[in-house]
N, C-alpha and C. Protein backbone atom coordinates (compact mmCIF):
# COMPACT_ATOMS: atom_id res chain seq x y z
N ILE A 1 0.83 -1.19 0.00
CA ILE A 1 0.00 0.00 0.00
C ILE A 1 0.87 1.25 0.00
N LEU A 2 1.89 1.29 0.86
CA LEU A 2 2.66 2.52 1.01
C LEU A 2 3.46 2.87 -0.24
N SER A 3 4.07 1.88 -0.89
CA SER A 3 4.85 2.20 -2.09
C SER A 3 3.93 2.64 -3.22
N LEU A 4 2.78 2.01 -3.36
CA LEU A 4 1.82 2.42 -4.40
C LEU A 4 1.26 3.80 -4.09
N ALA A 5 1.02 4.09 -2.82
CA ALA A 5 0.52 5.41 -2.44
C ALA A 5 1.56 6.48 -2.74
N ALA A 6 2.83 6.17 -2.49
CA ALA A 6 3.90 7.13 -2.80
C ALA A 6 3.98 7.39 -4.30
N GLU A 7 3.83 6.35 -5.11
CA GLU A 7 3.85 6.52 -6.56
C GLU A 7 2.65 7.31 -7.05
N ALA A 8 1.47 7.05 -6.46
CA ALA A 8 0.24 7.71 -6.90
C ALA A 8 0.11 9.12 -6.35
N GLY A 9 0.80 9.42 -5.27
CA GLY A 9 0.70 10.74 -4.65
C GLY A 9 0.20 10.67 -3.22
N SER A 10 -0.80 9.83 -2.98
CA SER A 10 -1.30 9.60 -1.62
C SER A 10 -2.18 8.36 -1.62
N VAL A 11 -2.52 7.89 -0.45
CA VAL A 11 -3.35 6.69 -0.34
C VAL A 11 -4.76 6.97 -0.88
N GLU A 12 -5.19 8.23 -0.83
CA GLU A 12 -6.50 8.59 -1.36
C GLU A 12 -6.59 8.42 -2.87
N ASP A 13 -5.43 8.36 -3.53
CA ASP A 13 -5.40 8.20 -4.99
C ASP A 13 -5.44 6.73 -5.41
N LEU A 14 -5.53 5.82 -4.46
CA LEU A 14 -5.55 4.39 -4.76
C LEU A 14 -6.97 3.84 -4.72
N GLU A 15 -7.17 2.76 -5.44
CA GLU A 15 -8.40 1.97 -5.36
C GLU A 15 -8.03 0.65 -4.69
N ILE A 16 -8.99 0.01 -4.07
CA ILE A 16 -8.71 -1.25 -3.39
C ILE A 16 -8.17 -2.29 -4.36
N GLU A 17 -8.61 -2.26 -5.61
CA GLU A 17 -8.13 -3.21 -6.62
C GLU A 17 -6.65 -3.02 -6.92
N ASP A 18 -6.13 -1.82 -6.65
CA ASP A 18 -4.71 -1.56 -6.88
C ASP A 18 -3.82 -2.30 -5.89
N VAL A 19 -4.32 -2.52 -4.69
CA VAL A 19 -3.48 -3.06 -3.62
C VAL A 19 -3.86 -4.46 -3.16
N MET A 20 -5.06 -4.90 -3.47
CA MET A 20 -5.52 -6.20 -2.98
C MET A 20 -5.53 -7.23 -4.11
N LYS A 21 -4.96 -8.38 -3.83
CA LYS A 21 -4.99 -9.51 -4.76
C LYS A 21 -5.86 -10.60 -4.16
N ILE A 22 -6.66 -11.24 -4.99
CA ILE A 22 -7.52 -12.31 -4.53
C ILE A 22 -6.95 -13.63 -5.03
N GLY A 23 -6.74 -14.56 -4.09
CA GLY A 23 -6.10 -15.83 -4.43
C GLY A 23 -7.01 -17.02 -4.22
N PHE A 24 -6.39 -18.15 -3.96
CA PHE A 24 -7.08 -19.42 -3.76
C PHE A 24 -8.19 -19.30 -2.73
N ARG A 25 -9.37 -19.83 -3.07
CA ARG A 25 -10.55 -19.80 -2.19
C ARG A 25 -10.92 -18.39 -1.76
N ASP A 26 -10.68 -17.45 -2.65
CA ASP A 26 -11.02 -16.04 -2.43
C ASP A 26 -10.31 -15.39 -1.25
N ILE A 27 -9.11 -15.89 -0.92
CA ILE A 27 -8.32 -15.26 0.13
C ILE A 27 -7.82 -13.93 -0.40
N ARG A 28 -8.04 -12.87 0.36
CA ARG A 28 -7.65 -11.52 -0.03
C ARG A 28 -6.33 -11.16 0.63
N CYS A 29 -5.38 -10.68 -0.16
CA CYS A 29 -4.05 -10.37 0.35
C CYS A 29 -3.67 -8.93 0.04
N VAL A 30 -3.07 -8.28 1.02
CA VAL A 30 -2.58 -6.91 0.88
C VAL A 30 -1.21 -6.84 1.54
N GLU A 31 -0.26 -6.20 0.91
CA GLU A 31 1.07 -5.97 1.49
C GLU A 31 1.15 -4.49 1.86
N SER A 32 1.41 -4.21 3.12
CA SER A 32 1.42 -2.81 3.55
C SER A 32 2.69 -2.08 3.15
N GLY A 33 3.84 -2.77 3.19
CA GLY A 33 5.10 -2.07 2.94
C GLY A 33 5.50 -1.25 4.15
N GLY A 34 6.46 -0.40 3.98
CA GLY A 34 6.93 0.43 5.08
C GLY A 34 8.04 1.35 4.61
N PRO A 35 8.50 2.19 5.50
CA PRO A 35 9.57 3.12 5.14
C PRO A 35 10.91 2.40 5.06
N GLU A 36 11.90 3.09 4.53
CA GLU A 36 13.26 2.54 4.54
C GLU A 36 13.67 2.29 5.98
N PRO A 37 14.48 1.24 6.23
CA PRO A 37 14.93 1.00 7.60
C PRO A 37 15.62 2.23 8.19
N GLY A 38 15.21 2.59 9.40
CA GLY A 38 15.81 3.73 10.08
C GLY A 38 15.25 5.07 9.66
N VAL A 39 14.25 5.06 8.76
CA VAL A 39 13.67 6.31 8.26
C VAL A 39 12.16 6.22 8.39
N GLY A 40 11.54 7.22 8.93
CA GLY A 40 10.09 7.25 8.98
C GLY A 40 9.51 6.40 10.10
N CYS A 41 8.21 6.22 10.03
CA CYS A 41 7.49 5.53 11.09
C CYS A 41 6.77 4.32 10.52
N ALA A 42 7.22 3.12 10.87
CA ALA A 42 6.57 1.90 10.39
C ALA A 42 5.16 1.78 10.96
N GLY A 43 4.92 2.40 12.10
CA GLY A 43 3.59 2.39 12.69
C GLY A 43 2.55 3.01 11.77
N ARG A 44 2.94 4.04 11.04
CA ARG A 44 2.02 4.65 10.07
C ARG A 44 1.62 3.63 9.02
N GLY A 45 2.56 2.79 8.61
CA GLY A 45 2.25 1.76 7.63
C GLY A 45 1.25 0.76 8.14
N VAL A 46 1.38 0.39 9.41
CA VAL A 46 0.43 -0.54 10.02
C VAL A 46 -0.95 0.09 10.06
N ILE A 47 -1.03 1.33 10.50
CA ILE A 47 -2.31 2.02 10.59
C ILE A 47 -2.95 2.15 9.21
N THR A 48 -2.17 2.57 8.22
CA THR A 48 -2.69 2.71 6.86
C THR A 48 -3.11 1.37 6.29
N SER A 49 -2.32 0.33 6.54
CA SER A 49 -2.64 -0.98 5.96
C SER A 49 -3.86 -1.62 6.59
N ILE A 50 -4.28 -1.16 7.74
CA ILE A 50 -5.51 -1.65 8.36
C ILE A 50 -6.69 -0.77 7.95
N ASN A 51 -6.52 0.54 8.01
CA ASN A 51 -7.62 1.45 7.72
C ASN A 51 -8.02 1.50 6.25
N PHE A 52 -7.05 1.54 5.34
CA PHE A 52 -7.37 1.68 3.92
C PHE A 52 -8.26 0.53 3.41
N PRO A 53 -7.88 -0.73 3.63
CA PRO A 53 -8.77 -1.81 3.17
C PRO A 53 -10.15 -1.76 3.84
N GLU A 54 -10.16 -1.45 5.13
CA GLU A 54 -11.44 -1.38 5.85
C GLU A 54 -12.34 -0.31 5.26
N GLU A 55 -11.78 0.87 5.02
CA GLU A 55 -12.56 1.98 4.48
C GLU A 55 -13.02 1.74 3.05
N ASN A 56 -12.39 0.78 2.36
CA ASN A 56 -12.73 0.51 0.97
C ASN A 56 -13.43 -0.84 0.78
N GLY A 57 -14.00 -1.38 1.84
CA GLY A 57 -14.85 -2.55 1.75
C GLY A 57 -14.17 -3.90 1.64
N ALA A 58 -12.87 -3.96 1.87
CA ALA A 58 -12.15 -5.23 1.72
C ALA A 58 -12.55 -6.27 2.75
N TYR A 59 -13.08 -5.86 3.89
CA TYR A 59 -13.40 -6.80 4.96
C TYR A 59 -14.85 -7.26 4.93
N GLU A 60 -15.62 -6.80 3.95
CA GLU A 60 -17.02 -7.20 3.87
C GLU A 60 -17.12 -8.65 3.42
N GLY A 61 -17.91 -9.43 4.11
CA GLY A 61 -18.14 -10.82 3.73
C GLY A 61 -17.00 -11.77 4.05
N VAL A 62 -16.13 -11.42 4.99
CA VAL A 62 -15.04 -12.32 5.37
C VAL A 62 -15.28 -12.83 6.79
N ASP A 63 -14.76 -14.01 7.06
CA ASP A 63 -14.90 -14.60 8.40
C ASP A 63 -13.74 -14.23 9.31
N TYR A 64 -12.54 -14.09 8.73
CA TYR A 64 -11.34 -13.81 9.52
C TYR A 64 -10.49 -12.77 8.81
N VAL A 65 -9.80 -11.97 9.60
CA VAL A 65 -8.79 -11.05 9.07
C VAL A 65 -7.53 -11.31 9.86
N SER A 66 -6.43 -11.51 9.16
CA SER A 66 -5.16 -11.81 9.81
C SER A 66 -4.14 -10.76 9.41
N TYR A 67 -3.45 -10.20 10.39
CA TYR A 67 -2.40 -9.22 10.14
C TYR A 67 -1.06 -9.82 10.55
N ASP A 68 -0.08 -9.64 9.73
CA ASP A 68 1.29 -10.06 10.05
C ASP A 68 2.10 -8.77 10.12
N VAL A 69 2.34 -8.29 11.34
CA VAL A 69 3.03 -7.01 11.50
C VAL A 69 4.30 -7.19 12.32
N LEU A 70 5.22 -6.28 12.11
CA LEU A 70 6.48 -6.30 12.86
C LEU A 70 6.22 -6.07 14.34
N GLY A 71 6.92 -6.80 15.17
CA GLY A 71 6.79 -6.61 16.61
C GLY A 71 7.67 -5.52 17.15
N ASP A 72 8.56 -4.99 16.32
CA ASP A 72 9.50 -3.98 16.81
C ASP A 72 9.11 -2.57 16.40
N VAL A 73 7.85 -2.37 16.04
CA VAL A 73 7.41 -1.04 15.63
C VAL A 73 7.40 -0.15 16.86
N VAL A 74 8.28 0.82 16.88
CA VAL A 74 8.48 1.62 18.09
C VAL A 74 7.40 2.67 18.31
N CYS A 75 6.68 3.06 17.28
CA CYS A 75 5.68 4.11 17.46
C CYS A 75 4.29 3.55 17.70
N GLY A 76 4.20 2.33 18.17
CA GLY A 76 2.92 1.79 18.59
C GLY A 76 2.07 1.21 17.48
N GLY A 77 2.61 1.04 16.30
CA GLY A 77 1.82 0.56 15.18
C GLY A 77 1.23 -0.82 15.40
N PHE A 78 1.98 -1.73 16.00
CA PHE A 78 1.45 -3.08 16.14
C PHE A 78 0.42 -3.15 17.26
N ALA A 79 0.34 -2.13 18.12
CA ALA A 79 -0.69 -2.08 19.15
C ALA A 79 -1.98 -1.44 18.64
N MET A 80 -1.94 -0.87 17.45
CA MET A 80 -3.08 -0.15 16.90
C MET A 80 -4.35 -1.01 16.81
N PRO A 81 -4.28 -2.26 16.34
CA PRO A 81 -5.51 -3.06 16.29
C PRO A 81 -6.16 -3.23 17.66
N ILE A 82 -5.36 -3.26 18.72
CA ILE A 82 -5.89 -3.37 20.07
C ILE A 82 -6.51 -2.04 20.49
N ARG A 83 -5.75 -0.96 20.31
CA ARG A 83 -6.20 0.37 20.72
C ARG A 83 -7.51 0.76 20.08
N GLU A 84 -7.67 0.48 18.80
CA GLU A 84 -8.85 0.92 18.07
C GLU A 84 -9.93 -0.16 18.02
N ASN A 85 -9.81 -1.17 18.87
CA ASN A 85 -10.82 -2.22 18.99
C ASN A 85 -11.10 -2.93 17.67
N LYS A 86 -10.07 -3.14 16.87
CA LYS A 86 -10.21 -3.83 15.59
C LYS A 86 -9.90 -5.31 15.71
N ALA A 87 -9.41 -5.73 16.85
CA ALA A 87 -9.04 -7.14 17.03
C ALA A 87 -9.82 -7.74 18.19
N GLN A 88 -10.34 -8.94 17.97
CA GLN A 88 -10.99 -9.67 19.05
C GLN A 88 -9.97 -10.56 19.77
N GLU A 89 -9.00 -11.05 19.02
CA GLU A 89 -7.94 -11.88 19.59
C GLU A 89 -6.63 -11.49 18.95
N ILE A 90 -5.54 -11.58 19.72
CA ILE A 90 -4.22 -11.28 19.19
C ILE A 90 -3.28 -12.40 19.59
N TYR A 91 -2.52 -12.89 18.62
CA TYR A 91 -1.53 -13.93 18.87
C TYR A 91 -0.17 -13.37 18.54
N ILE A 92 0.77 -13.52 19.44
CA ILE A 92 2.13 -13.05 19.20
C ILE A 92 2.99 -14.28 18.93
N VAL A 93 3.60 -14.29 17.76
CA VAL A 93 4.46 -15.40 17.34
C VAL A 93 5.88 -14.87 17.27
N MET A 94 6.81 -15.55 17.93
CA MET A 94 8.19 -15.07 17.96
C MET A 94 9.13 -16.12 17.40
N SER A 95 10.32 -15.65 17.07
CA SER A 95 11.35 -16.52 16.55
C SER A 95 12.68 -16.06 17.11
N GLY A 96 13.61 -16.97 17.24
CA GLY A 96 14.94 -16.62 17.71
C GLY A 96 15.83 -16.11 16.59
N GLU A 97 15.33 -16.12 15.37
CA GLU A 97 16.14 -15.67 14.24
C GLU A 97 16.23 -14.15 14.23
N MET A 98 17.41 -13.65 14.00
CA MET A 98 17.63 -12.20 14.01
C MET A 98 16.88 -11.49 12.87
N MET A 99 16.68 -12.15 11.74
CA MET A 99 16.02 -11.51 10.61
C MET A 99 14.53 -11.89 10.53
N ALA A 100 14.00 -12.55 11.54
CA ALA A 100 12.60 -12.97 11.50
C ALA A 100 11.67 -11.80 11.74
């Protein structure tokens, strides 16, 4: 979402079809993207990647929504689904790998 929004000018210039791909058994996929490492706020990407699809009807008629977000987002981005009451359950999955 973020790289396409940067190319288009802003997220308001995008359509849901630009960012969402529909796969096997109608699974809907969106990649949020993020800023360059050490530059900008990855939390903004999390917020945008949740709000944009929601505001454009991507969650209508689905049973589950799953987010895979970085756990090291320092500006609170990964806590956003909790704060804004968008999540009923949250699972934290960790790995010992440095690049995980």
